[in-house]
Amino acid sequence: MTTIVHLVRHGEVHNPEKILYGRLSGYHLSERGRNMAHATAAELAEHQVGYLVASPLQRAQETAQPFAARLGLEVHTDERVIEAGNELEGLHIKGVRSALWNPKLWPKLRRPSEPSWGEPYEQIRDRMWEAIDDAREAARGAEAVIVSHQLPIVMIQRDTQHKPLAHNPAARQCELASVTSLVFDEDGDLMDVVYSEPASAI
């Protein structure tokens, strides 16, 4: 008897100012992001999903709605799968307008392996595993969906691959509306990790 927990990254966010939005409120899905959410929900519609969880942030809640509609499930909100805490949120951090050119911010960048600008990688990993374990128990013998964010999902990917949590963001494999599926045996031991991109054509 296997149990599968699908970690779904939210769809594209409407962010014309291209700032690091982090946990800021008011960032909703773009039209493309809504289409992504529908495509990924359609991919999992025939699965035996019995439990649905989402981060409290608006983009995750909106991504979860097509799953709730197709699967006939309530969306359970879980603070443990929220975006990583980041002291740089609200800033432009890319291109010529990047706030990172400001020397006042450089102390926040002094220890990237922790990282010094936000929530420790180990803390993100641990809270995610707690939420995954609870979802696995709730869906025992079937499947669960957790709608979360890129970095929290990447922490689980790297942990299952026995890789250091500190990493180059350019090396991440966690596209918008992607699915990282954790397959557990009946004793709760991890058997396999499968990655897919149901919305890649959008």
N, C-alpha and C. Protein backbone atom coordinates (compact mmCIF):
# COMPACT_ATOMS: atom_id res chain seq x y z
N MET A 1 0.84 -1.19 0.00
CA MET A 1 0.00 0.00 0.00
C MET A 1 0.89 1.25 0.00
N THR A 2 0.85 1.98 -1.07
CA THR A 2 1.66 3.19 -1.16
C THR A 2 0.81 4.44 -0.90
N THR A 3 1.49 5.48 -0.49
CA THR A 3 0.87 6.80 -0.33
C THR A 3 1.74 7.80 -1.07
N ILE A 4 1.11 8.70 -1.81
CA ILE A 4 1.86 9.68 -2.58
C ILE A 4 1.48 11.09 -2.11
N VAL A 5 2.49 11.91 -1.88
CA VAL A 5 2.27 13.32 -1.56
C VAL A 5 2.86 14.13 -2.70
N HIS A 6 2.00 14.88 -3.39
CA HIS A 6 2.41 15.70 -4.52
C HIS A 6 2.67 17.12 -4.04
N LEU A 7 3.88 17.61 -4.24
CA LEU A 7 4.22 18.99 -3.91
C LEU A 7 4.07 19.82 -5.18
N VAL A 8 3.10 20.70 -5.20
CA VAL A 8 2.80 21.51 -6.38
C VAL A 8 3.27 22.94 -6.14
N ARG A 9 4.08 23.44 -7.05
CA ARG A 9 4.44 24.87 -6.96
C ARG A 9 3.30 25.69 -7.56
N HIS A 10 3.03 26.84 -7.00
CA HIS A 10 1.96 27.71 -7.51
C HIS A 10 2.24 28.16 -8.95
N GLY A 11 1.22 28.67 -9.62
CA GLY A 11 1.37 29.17 -10.98
C GLY A 11 1.99 30.55 -11.03
N GLU A 12 2.11 31.07 -12.24
CA GLU A 12 2.75 32.38 -12.43
C GLU A 12 1.99 33.49 -11.71
N VAL A 13 2.73 34.41 -11.12
CA VAL A 13 2.16 35.51 -10.35
C VAL A 13 2.15 36.80 -11.18
N HIS A 14 1.10 37.59 -11.01
CA HIS A 14 1.06 38.91 -11.65
C HIS A 14 2.00 39.83 -10.89
N ASN A 15 3.12 40.19 -11.51
CA ASN A 15 4.16 40.95 -10.83
C ASN A 15 4.85 41.88 -11.83
N PRO A 16 4.12 42.86 -12.37
CA PRO A 16 4.69 43.71 -13.40
C PRO A 16 5.89 44.53 -12.93
N GLU A 17 5.97 44.80 -11.63
CA GLU A 17 7.12 45.56 -11.10
C GLU A 17 8.34 44.69 -10.88
N LYS A 18 8.15 43.38 -10.98
CA LYS A 18 9.24 42.39 -10.85
C LYS A 18 10.04 42.59 -9.56
N ILE A 19 9.31 42.62 -8.45
CA ILE A 19 9.98 42.69 -7.16
C ILE A 19 9.99 41.31 -6.52
N LEU A 20 10.81 41.17 -5.52
CA LEU A 20 10.82 39.93 -4.73
C LEU A 20 9.65 40.02 -3.76
N TYR A 21 8.55 39.32 -4.03
CA TYR A 21 7.34 39.50 -3.23
C TYR A 21 7.31 38.64 -1.98
N GLY A 22 8.03 37.54 -1.96
CA GLY A 22 8.13 36.74 -0.73
C GLY A 22 6.79 36.43 -0.11
N ARG A 23 6.61 36.86 1.13
CA ARG A 23 5.36 36.63 1.86
C ARG A 23 4.42 37.84 1.84
N LEU A 24 4.73 38.82 1.02
CA LEU A 24 3.87 40.01 0.96
C LEU A 24 2.48 39.63 0.47
N SER A 25 1.48 40.31 0.98
CA SER A 25 0.10 40.04 0.57
C SER A 25 -0.21 40.73 -0.76
N GLY A 26 -1.27 40.29 -1.40
CA GLY A 26 -1.76 40.98 -2.59
C GLY A 26 -1.19 40.49 -3.90
N TYR A 27 -0.37 39.47 -3.88
CA TYR A 27 0.20 38.96 -5.13
C TYR A 27 -0.61 37.74 -5.59
N HIS A 28 -1.39 37.95 -6.65
CA HIS A 28 -2.29 36.91 -7.14
C HIS A 28 -1.77 36.33 -8.45
N LEU A 29 -2.39 35.28 -8.89
CA LEU A 29 -1.98 34.64 -10.14
C LEU A 29 -2.30 35.53 -11.34
N SER A 30 -1.43 35.47 -12.32
CA SER A 30 -1.72 36.09 -13.62
C SER A 30 -2.70 35.19 -14.37
N GLU A 31 -3.18 35.65 -15.51
CA GLU A 31 -4.04 34.79 -16.32
C GLU A 31 -3.30 33.52 -16.72
N ARG A 32 -2.05 33.67 -17.09
CA ARG A 32 -1.24 32.48 -17.43
C ARG A 32 -1.11 31.58 -16.22
N GLY A 33 -0.92 32.16 -15.05
CA GLY A 33 -0.81 31.37 -13.83
C GLY A 33 -2.07 30.58 -13.53
N ARG A 34 -3.24 31.20 -13.77
CA ARG A 34 -4.49 30.47 -13.56
C ARG A 34 -4.61 29.30 -14.54
N ASN A 35 -4.19 29.53 -15.79
CA ASN A 35 -4.21 28.44 -16.77
C ASN A 35 -3.26 27.31 -16.37
N MET A 36 -2.13 27.68 -15.81
CA MET A 36 -1.19 26.67 -15.32
C MET A 36 -1.81 25.83 -14.22
N ALA A 37 -2.48 26.50 -13.29
CA ALA A 37 -3.10 25.78 -12.18
C ALA A 37 -4.16 24.80 -12.68
N HIS A 38 -4.95 25.24 -13.65
CA HIS A 38 -5.97 24.35 -14.22
C HIS A 38 -5.34 23.15 -14.93
N ALA A 39 -4.24 23.39 -15.63
CA ALA A 39 -3.58 22.30 -16.36
C ALA A 39 -3.02 21.26 -15.39
N THR A 40 -2.42 21.71 -14.32
CA THR A 40 -1.85 20.77 -13.35
C THR A 40 -2.95 20.04 -12.59
N ALA A 41 -4.01 20.75 -12.27
CA ALA A 41 -5.14 20.10 -11.61
C ALA A 41 -5.76 19.04 -12.51
N ALA A 42 -5.86 19.33 -13.80
CA ALA A 42 -6.41 18.35 -14.75
C ALA A 42 -5.54 17.10 -14.81
N GLU A 43 -4.23 17.30 -14.71
CA GLU A 43 -3.30 16.15 -14.75
C GLU A 43 -3.52 15.21 -13.57
N LEU A 44 -3.88 15.77 -12.42
CA LEU A 44 -4.05 14.95 -11.22
C LEU A 44 -5.51 14.58 -10.94
N ALA A 45 -6.40 14.99 -11.82
CA ALA A 45 -7.84 14.80 -11.58
C ALA A 45 -8.24 13.33 -11.48
N GLU A 46 -7.53 12.46 -12.19
CA GLU A 46 -7.87 11.03 -12.17
C GLU A 46 -7.12 10.26 -11.08
N HIS A 47 -6.30 10.96 -10.32
CA HIS A 47 -5.58 10.31 -9.22
C HIS A 47 -6.49 10.19 -8.00
N GLN A 48 -6.08 9.35 -7.08
CA GLN A 48 -6.87 9.11 -5.88
C GLN A 48 -6.48 10.09 -4.77
N VAL A 49 -6.69 11.38 -5.06
CA VAL A 49 -6.31 12.42 -4.11
C VAL A 49 -7.42 12.60 -3.07
N GLY A 50 -7.05 12.45 -1.81
CA GLY A 50 -8.04 12.55 -0.76
C GLY A 50 -7.79 13.67 0.22
N TYR A 51 -6.71 14.42 0.02
CA TYR A 51 -6.37 15.48 0.97
C TYR A 51 -5.65 16.59 0.22
N LEU A 52 -6.06 17.84 0.46
CA LEU A 52 -5.54 18.99 -0.27
C LEU A 52 -5.13 20.08 0.71
N VAL A 53 -3.89 20.52 0.58
CA VAL A 53 -3.31 21.52 1.48
C VAL A 53 -2.72 22.64 0.64
N ALA A 54 -2.76 23.88 1.16
CA ALA A 54 -2.11 24.99 0.48
C ALA A 54 -1.51 25.96 1.48
N SER A 55 -0.47 26.61 1.06
CA SER A 55 0.11 27.73 1.80
C SER A 55 -0.96 28.81 1.96
N PRO A 56 -0.87 29.63 3.00
CA PRO A 56 -1.87 30.69 3.19
C PRO A 56 -1.74 31.85 2.21
N LEU A 57 -0.64 31.93 1.46
CA LEU A 57 -0.46 33.05 0.54
C LEU A 57 -1.41 32.96 -0.64
N GLN A 58 -1.84 34.13 -1.13
CA GLN A 58 -2.91 34.20 -2.13
C GLN A 58 -2.60 33.38 -3.37
N ARG A 59 -1.38 33.44 -3.86
CA ARG A 59 -1.04 32.71 -5.09
C ARG A 59 -1.17 31.20 -4.92
N ALA A 60 -0.88 30.70 -3.73
CA ALA A 60 -1.04 29.27 -3.47
C ALA A 60 -2.50 28.89 -3.32
N GLN A 61 -3.25 29.73 -2.61
CA GLN A 61 -4.68 29.47 -2.44
C GLN A 61 -5.40 29.47 -3.80
N GLU A 62 -5.03 30.41 -4.68
CA GLU A 62 -5.65 30.46 -6.00
C GLU A 62 -5.25 29.25 -6.85
N THR A 63 -4.02 28.79 -6.70
CA THR A 63 -3.58 27.60 -7.43
C THR A 63 -4.33 26.37 -6.94
N ALA A 64 -4.67 26.34 -5.66
CA ALA A 64 -5.36 25.17 -5.10
C ALA A 64 -6.82 25.09 -5.53
N GLN A 65 -7.43 26.20 -5.93
CA GLN A 65 -8.86 26.19 -6.22
C GLN A 65 -9.26 25.23 -7.34
N PRO A 66 -8.54 25.16 -8.46
CA PRO A 66 -8.93 24.17 -9.48
C PRO A 66 -8.84 22.73 -9.00
N PHE A 67 -7.89 22.47 -8.09
CA PHE A 67 -7.80 21.13 -7.50
C PHE A 67 -9.02 20.85 -6.65
N ALA A 68 -9.40 21.81 -5.84
CA ALA A 68 -10.59 21.64 -4.99
C ALA A 68 -11.83 21.39 -5.83
N ALA A 69 -11.97 22.14 -6.92
CA ALA A 69 -13.16 22.00 -7.77
C ALA A 69 -13.19 20.65 -8.46
N ARG A 70 -12.05 20.23 -8.99
CA ARG A 70 -12.02 18.95 -9.73
C ARG A 70 -12.11 17.74 -8.82
N LEU A 71 -11.51 17.85 -7.65
CA LEU A 71 -11.43 16.69 -6.75
C LEU A 71 -12.53 16.68 -5.70
N GLY A 72 -13.28 17.79 -5.60
CA GLY A 72 -14.34 17.87 -4.60
C GLY A 72 -13.81 17.88 -3.18
N LEU A 73 -12.67 18.58 -2.98
CA LEU A 73 -12.03 18.58 -1.68
C LEU A 73 -11.99 19.99 -1.08
N GLU A 74 -11.95 20.04 0.23
CA GLU A 74 -11.72 21.28 0.95
C GLU A 74 -10.22 21.60 0.90
N VAL A 75 -9.90 22.89 0.82
CA VAL A 75 -8.49 23.30 0.88
C VAL A 75 -8.12 23.56 2.34
N HIS A 76 -7.20 22.76 2.85
CA HIS A 76 -6.69 22.96 4.20
C HIS A 76 -5.49 23.90 4.12
N THR A 77 -5.50 24.95 4.91
CA THR A 77 -4.40 25.92 4.91
C THR A 77 -3.38 25.53 5.97
N ASP A 78 -2.11 25.50 5.57
CA ASP A 78 -1.04 25.08 6.48
C ASP A 78 0.09 26.09 6.42
N GLU A 79 0.34 26.79 7.51
CA GLU A 79 1.40 27.78 7.59
C GLU A 79 2.78 27.17 7.36
N ARG A 80 2.91 25.88 7.59
CA ARG A 80 4.24 25.24 7.48
C ARG A 80 4.73 25.12 6.05
N VAL A 81 3.83 25.29 5.07
CA VAL A 81 4.27 25.18 3.67
C VAL A 81 4.35 26.55 3.00
N ILE A 82 4.41 27.60 3.81
CA ILE A 82 4.47 28.96 3.30
C ILE A 82 5.83 29.23 2.63
N GLU A 83 5.90 30.31 1.86
CA GLU A 83 7.15 30.75 1.25
C GLU A 83 8.22 30.99 2.32
N ALA A 84 9.49 30.88 1.94
CA ALA A 84 10.58 31.14 2.86
C ALA A 84 10.57 32.59 3.32
N GLY A 85 10.88 32.82 4.59
CA GLY A 85 11.03 34.17 5.07
C GLY A 85 12.24 34.83 4.43
N ASN A 86 12.12 36.10 4.03
CA ASN A 86 13.20 36.77 3.30
C ASN A 86 13.19 38.27 3.64
N GLU A 87 14.28 38.77 4.17
CA GLU A 87 14.37 40.17 4.57
C GLU A 87 14.50 41.11 3.37
N LEU A 88 14.66 40.54 2.17
CA LEU A 88 14.78 41.36 0.96
C LEU A 88 13.45 41.53 0.23
N GLU A 89 12.38 40.95 0.77
CA GLU A 89 11.11 41.04 0.06
C GLU A 89 10.65 42.49 -0.08
N GLY A 90 10.02 42.77 -1.20
CA GLY A 90 9.58 44.12 -1.50
C GLY A 90 10.59 44.91 -2.31
N LEU A 91 11.74 44.31 -2.59
CA LEU A 91 12.81 45.00 -3.31
C LEU A 91 12.99 44.44 -4.72
N HIS A 92 13.52 45.27 -5.61
CA HIS A 92 14.01 44.79 -6.89
C HIS A 92 15.39 44.21 -6.64
N ILE A 93 15.64 42.98 -7.05
CA ILE A 93 16.96 42.38 -6.78
C ILE A 93 17.66 41.92 -8.06
N LYS A 94 17.08 42.24 -9.23
CA LYS A 94 17.69 41.84 -10.49
C LYS A 94 17.87 43.04 -11.40
N GLY A 95 18.88 42.96 -12.26
CA GLY A 95 19.08 43.99 -13.27
C GLY A 95 19.71 45.27 -12.73
N VAL A 96 19.71 46.29 -13.55
CA VAL A 96 20.38 47.55 -13.20
C VAL A 96 19.68 48.27 -12.04
N ARG A 97 18.42 47.94 -11.81
CA ARG A 97 17.68 48.57 -10.71
C ARG A 97 17.80 47.79 -9.40
N SER A 98 18.63 46.76 -9.39
CA SER A 98 18.73 45.89 -8.22
C SER A 98 19.13 46.65 -6.96
N ALA A 99 18.38 46.42 -5.90
CA ALA A 99 18.69 47.04 -4.61
C ALA A 99 19.98 46.47 -4.02
N LEU A 100 20.44 45.34 -4.56
CA LEU A 100 21.64 44.71 -4.01
C LEU A 100 22.91 45.49 -4.32
N TRP A 101 22.80 46.50 -5.19
CA TRP A 101 23.95 47.39 -5.41
C TRP A 101 24.16 48.32 -4.23
N ASN A 102 23.19 48.42 -3.35
CA ASN A 102 23.28 49.31 -2.19
C ASN A 102 24.14 48.67 -1.10
N PRO A 103 25.28 49.27 -0.75
CA PRO A 103 26.16 48.67 0.26
C PRO A 103 25.49 48.43 1.61
N LYS A 104 24.42 49.16 1.90
CA LYS A 104 23.73 48.98 3.19
C LYS A 104 23.12 47.57 3.31
N LEU A 105 22.87 46.96 2.16
CA LEU A 105 22.27 45.62 2.18
C LEU A 105 23.31 44.51 2.17
N TRP A 106 24.54 44.82 1.92
CA TRP A 106 25.56 43.79 1.79
C TRP A 106 25.72 42.91 3.03
N PRO A 107 25.56 43.45 4.27
CA PRO A 107 25.65 42.56 5.43
C PRO A 107 24.65 41.41 5.41
N LYS A 108 23.50 41.63 4.75
CA LYS A 108 22.50 40.56 4.67
C LYS A 108 22.94 39.42 3.75
N LEU A 109 23.97 39.67 2.94
CA LEU A 109 24.43 38.69 1.96
C LEU A 109 25.70 37.98 2.41
N ARG A 110 26.12 38.20 3.64
CA ARG A 110 27.46 37.77 4.05
C ARG A 110 27.59 36.26 4.21
N ARG A 111 26.48 35.56 4.46
CA ARG A 111 26.57 34.11 4.66
C ARG A 111 25.50 33.41 3.81
N PRO A 112 25.74 33.26 2.52
CA PRO A 112 24.72 32.67 1.64
C PRO A 112 24.38 31.22 1.97
N SER A 113 25.27 30.53 2.66
CA SER A 113 25.00 29.12 2.98
C SER A 113 23.95 28.96 4.06
N GLU A 114 23.55 30.05 4.75
CA GLU A 114 22.57 29.89 5.83
C GLU A 114 21.11 29.96 5.41
N PRO A 115 20.58 30.93 4.68
CA PRO A 115 21.19 32.15 4.16
C PRO A 115 21.01 33.31 5.14
N SER A 116 21.93 34.26 5.12
CA SER A 116 21.91 35.36 6.09
C SER A 116 20.82 36.39 5.80
N TRP A 117 20.16 36.29 4.64
CA TRP A 117 19.09 37.26 4.32
C TRP A 117 17.70 36.76 4.69
N GLY A 118 17.62 35.55 5.25
CA GLY A 118 16.27 35.07 5.53
C GLY A 118 16.23 33.81 6.38
N GLU A 119 15.15 33.08 6.25
CA GLU A 119 14.90 31.88 7.03
C GLU A 119 15.95 30.81 6.74
N PRO A 120 16.51 30.18 7.78
CA PRO A 120 17.52 29.14 7.56
C PRO A 120 16.97 27.97 6.73
N TYR A 121 17.81 27.44 5.86
CA TYR A 121 17.40 26.33 5.00
C TYR A 121 16.90 25.14 5.83
N GLU A 122 17.58 24.85 6.93
CA GLU A 122 17.19 23.69 7.75
C GLU A 122 15.80 23.88 8.33
N GLN A 123 15.48 25.10 8.69
CA GLN A 123 14.15 25.38 9.26
C GLN A 123 13.06 25.19 8.21
N ILE A 124 13.33 25.63 6.98
CA ILE A 124 12.37 25.43 5.89
C ILE A 124 12.16 23.94 5.67
N ARG A 125 13.27 23.20 5.57
CA ARG A 125 13.18 21.75 5.35
C ARG A 125 12.37 21.08 6.45
N ASP A 126 12.64 21.40 7.69
CA ASP A 126 12.01 20.70 8.81
C ASP A 126 10.51 20.98 8.86
N ARG A 127 10.10 22.23 8.65
CA ARG A 127 8.65 22.51 8.69
C ARG A 127 7.93 21.86 7.52
N MET A 128 8.61 21.79 6.36
CA MET A 128 8.00 21.12 5.21
C MET A 128 7.82 19.63 5.48
N TRP A 129 8.82 18.99 6.05
CA TRP A 129 8.69 17.55 6.34
C TRP A 129 7.56 17.30 7.35
N GLU A 130 7.40 18.19 8.32
CA GLU A 130 6.30 18.02 9.27
C GLU A 130 4.96 18.05 8.55
N ALA A 131 4.80 19.00 7.63
CA ALA A 131 3.54 19.11 6.88
C ALA A 131 3.34 17.92 5.97
N ILE A 132 4.42 17.46 5.34
CA ILE A 132 4.33 16.30 4.45
C ILE A 132 3.93 15.06 5.24
N ASP A 133 4.54 14.86 6.39
CA ASP A 133 4.20 13.69 7.21
C ASP A 133 2.73 13.71 7.62
N ASP A 134 2.23 14.88 7.97
CA ASP A 134 0.81 14.97 8.36
C ASP A 134 -0.10 14.70 7.16
N ALA A 135 0.28 15.22 5.99
CA ALA A 135 -0.52 14.99 4.79
C ALA A 135 -0.49 13.52 4.40
N ARG A 136 0.67 12.90 4.54
CA ARG A 136 0.78 11.47 4.24
C ARG A 136 -0.13 10.64 5.14
N GLU A 137 -0.17 10.99 6.42
CA GLU A 137 -1.04 10.27 7.34
C GLU A 137 -2.51 10.50 7.00
N ALA A 138 -2.86 11.72 6.62
CA ALA A 138 -4.24 12.04 6.29
C ALA A 138 -4.71 11.33 5.03
N ALA A 139 -3.77 11.05 4.13
CA ALA A 139 -4.12 10.42 2.84
C ALA A 139 -3.65 8.97 2.77
N ARG A 140 -3.39 8.36 3.89
CA ARG A 140 -2.78 7.02 3.92
C ARG A 140 -3.47 6.06 2.94
N GLY A 141 -2.65 5.45 2.08
CA GLY A 141 -3.17 4.51 1.08
C GLY A 141 -3.70 5.19 -0.16
N ALA A 142 -3.64 6.52 -0.21
CA ALA A 142 -4.12 7.27 -1.38
C ALA A 142 -3.09 8.36 -1.70
N GLU A 143 -3.57 9.57 -2.01
CA GLU A 143 -2.66 10.64 -2.41
C GLU A 143 -3.09 11.97 -1.78
N ALA A 144 -2.11 12.84 -1.61
CA ALA A 144 -2.35 14.19 -1.10
C ALA A 144 -1.67 15.19 -2.01
N VAL A 145 -2.20 16.40 -2.04
CA VAL A 145 -1.59 17.50 -2.79
C VAL A 145 -1.29 18.63 -1.81
N ILE A 146 -0.06 19.14 -1.88
CA ILE A 146 0.34 20.30 -1.10
C ILE A 146 0.78 21.38 -2.08
N VAL A 147 0.09 22.52 -2.08
CA VAL A 147 0.46 23.63 -2.94
C VAL A 147 1.37 24.56 -2.15
N SER A 148 2.61 24.68 -2.60
CA SER A 148 3.60 25.44 -1.86
C SER A 148 4.38 26.35 -2.81
N HIS A 149 5.65 26.57 -2.50
CA HIS A 149 6.47 27.54 -3.20
C HIS A 149 7.81 26.93 -3.60
N GLN A 150 8.53 27.61 -4.47
CA GLN A 150 9.73 26.99 -5.04
C GLN A 150 10.76 26.57 -4.00
N LEU A 151 11.23 27.51 -3.17
CA LEU A 151 12.31 27.17 -2.25
C LEU A 151 11.92 26.08 -1.25
N PRO A 152 10.75 26.13 -0.62
CA PRO A 152 10.39 25.03 0.27
C PRO A 152 10.37 23.66 -0.43
N ILE A 153 9.89 23.63 -1.67
CA ILE A 153 9.88 22.37 -2.40
C ILE A 153 11.30 21.93 -2.74
N VAL A 154 12.14 22.87 -3.14
CA VAL A 154 13.53 22.54 -3.47
C VAL A 154 14.26 22.00 -2.24
N MET A 155 13.95 22.51 -1.07
CA MET A 155 14.58 21.98 0.14
C MET A 155 14.27 20.49 0.32
N ILE A 156 13.04 20.09 0.03
CA ILE A 156 12.68 18.68 0.12
C ILE A 156 13.36 17.88 -0.99
N GLN A 157 13.38 18.42 -2.20
CA GLN A 157 14.07 17.73 -3.29
C GLN A 157 15.52 17.46 -2.93
N ARG A 158 16.21 18.48 -2.46
CA ARG A 158 17.63 18.32 -2.15
C ARG A 158 17.84 17.39 -0.97
N ASP A 159 16.96 17.45 0.01
CA ASP A 159 17.09 16.56 1.17
C ASP A 159 16.92 15.10 0.76
N THR A 160 15.96 14.83 -0.10
CA THR A 160 15.75 13.43 -0.54
C THR A 160 16.89 12.94 -1.42
N GLN A 161 17.61 13.87 -2.06
CA GLN A 161 18.75 13.51 -2.89
C GLN A 161 20.07 13.52 -2.12
N HIS A 162 19.97 13.80 -0.82
CA HIS A 162 21.15 13.86 0.05
C HIS A 162 22.16 14.89 -0.44
N LYS A 163 21.63 16.01 -0.92
CA LYS A 163 22.48 17.11 -1.38
C LYS A 163 22.49 18.21 -0.31
N PRO A 164 23.54 19.03 -0.28
CA PRO A 164 23.54 20.16 0.65
C PRO A 164 22.36 21.08 0.39
N LEU A 165 21.78 21.63 1.43
CA LEU A 165 20.63 22.51 1.25
C LEU A 165 21.05 23.83 0.62
N ALA A 166 22.23 24.32 0.92
CA ALA A 166 22.75 25.52 0.26
C ALA A 166 23.05 25.19 -1.19
N HIS A 167 22.66 26.08 -2.10
CA HIS A 167 22.75 25.75 -3.52
C HIS A 167 22.70 27.01 -4.38
N ASN A 168 22.98 26.83 -5.65
CA ASN A 168 22.85 27.88 -6.64
C ASN A 168 21.41 27.89 -7.15
N PRO A 169 20.66 28.99 -6.96
CA PRO A 169 19.27 29.01 -7.41
C PRO A 169 19.10 28.69 -8.89
N ALA A 170 20.11 28.95 -9.70
CA ALA A 170 20.01 28.67 -11.14
C ALA A 170 19.95 27.17 -11.42
N ALA A 171 20.33 26.35 -10.43
CA ALA A 171 20.33 24.91 -10.62
C ALA A 171 19.03 24.24 -10.19
N ARG A 172 18.04 25.02 -9.76
CA ARG A 172 16.80 24.42 -9.27
C ARG A 172 15.97 23.82 -10.40
N GLN A 173 15.34 22.69 -10.11
CA GLN A 173 14.37 22.08 -11.02
C GLN A 173 13.02 22.10 -10.31
N CYS A 174 12.34 23.23 -10.44
CA CYS A 174 11.04 23.40 -9.78
C CYS A 174 10.31 24.52 -10.48
N GLU A 175 9.82 24.24 -11.68
CA GLU A 175 9.17 25.26 -12.50
C GLU A 175 7.78 25.59 -11.97
N LEU A 176 7.22 26.68 -12.45
CA LEU A 176 5.87 27.07 -12.05
C LEU A 176 4.87 25.96 -12.33
N ALA A 177 4.00 25.69 -11.36
CA ALA A 177 2.95 24.67 -11.47
C ALA A 177 3.49 23.27 -11.68
N SER A 178 4.76 23.05 -11.34
CA SER A 178 5.35 21.71 -11.45
C SER A 178 4.90 20.85 -10.28
N VAL A 179 5.14 19.55 -10.41
CA VAL A 179 4.74 18.58 -9.39
C VAL A 179 5.95 17.73 -9.00
N THR A 180 6.26 17.73 -7.71
CA THR A 180 7.28 16.83 -7.17
C THR A 180 6.54 15.81 -6.31
N SER A 181 6.51 14.57 -6.78
CA SER A 181 5.71 13.53 -6.13
C SER A 181 6.58 12.64 -5.26
N LEU A 182 6.24 12.55 -3.98
CA LEU A 182 6.95 11.71 -3.03
C LEU A 182 6.15 10.43 -2.81
N VAL A 183 6.75 9.30 -3.10
CA VAL A 183 6.06 8.01 -3.01
C VAL A 183 6.56 7.27 -1.77
N PHE A 184 5.64 6.97 -0.86
CA PHE A 184 5.98 6.31 0.40
C PHE A 184 5.40 4.89 0.43
N ASP A 185 6.11 3.99 1.10
CA ASP A 185 5.57 2.65 1.29
C ASP A 185 4.63 2.66 2.50
N GLU A 186 4.10 1.49 2.84
CA GLU A 186 3.08 1.42 3.90
C GLU A 186 3.65 1.76 5.28
N ASP A 187 4.98 1.68 5.43
CA ASP A 187 5.61 2.04 6.69
C ASP A 187 6.00 3.51 6.77
N GLY A 188 5.71 4.25 5.70
CA GLY A 188 6.05 5.66 5.68
C GLY A 188 7.45 5.96 5.21
N ASP A 189 8.13 4.96 4.68
CA ASP A 189 9.49 5.17 4.16
C ASP A 189 9.41 5.65 2.72
N LEU A 190 10.25 6.60 2.38
CA LEU A 190 10.26 7.15 1.03
C LEU A 190 10.83 6.13 0.04
N MET A 191 10.07 5.86 -1.02
CA MET A 191 10.48 4.90 -2.04
C MET A 191 11.01 5.58 -3.30
N ASP A 192 10.40 6.69 -3.67
CA ASP A 192 10.75 7.32 -4.94
C ASP A 192 10.32 8.79 -4.93
N VAL A 193 10.98 9.56 -5.79
CA VAL A 193 10.61 10.97 -6.01
C VAL A 193 10.51 11.18 -7.51
N VAL A 194 9.35 11.67 -7.97
CA VAL A 194 9.10 11.84 -9.40
C VAL A 194 8.76 13.30 -9.66
N TYR A 195 9.42 13.89 -10.64
CA TYR A 195 9.19 15.29 -10.98
C TYR A 195 8.52 15.40 -12.34
N SER A 196 7.53 16.28 -12.44
CA SER A 196 6.84 16.48 -13.74
C SER A 196 6.41 17.94 -13.88
N GLU A 197 6.15 18.33 -15.14
CA GLU A 197 5.74 19.70 -15.45
C GLU A 197 4.49 19.67 -16.32
N PRO A 198 3.33 19.42 -15.73
CA PRO A 198 2.10 19.31 -16.52
C PRO A 198 1.72 20.60 -17.26
N ALA A 199 2.20 21.74 -16.79
CA ALA A 199 1.83 23.02 -17.39
C ALA A 199 2.93 23.59 -18.28
N SER A 200 3.89 22.78 -18.66
CA SER A 200 5.06 23.29 -19.38
C SER A 200 4.71 23.90 -20.75
N ALA A 201 3.59 23.50 -21.34
CA ALA A 201 3.21 24.01 -22.67
C ALA A 201 2.52 25.36 -22.60
N ILE A 202 2.23 25.83 -21.39
CA ILE A 202 1.47 27.09 -21.25
C ILE A 202 2.42 28.29 -21.13
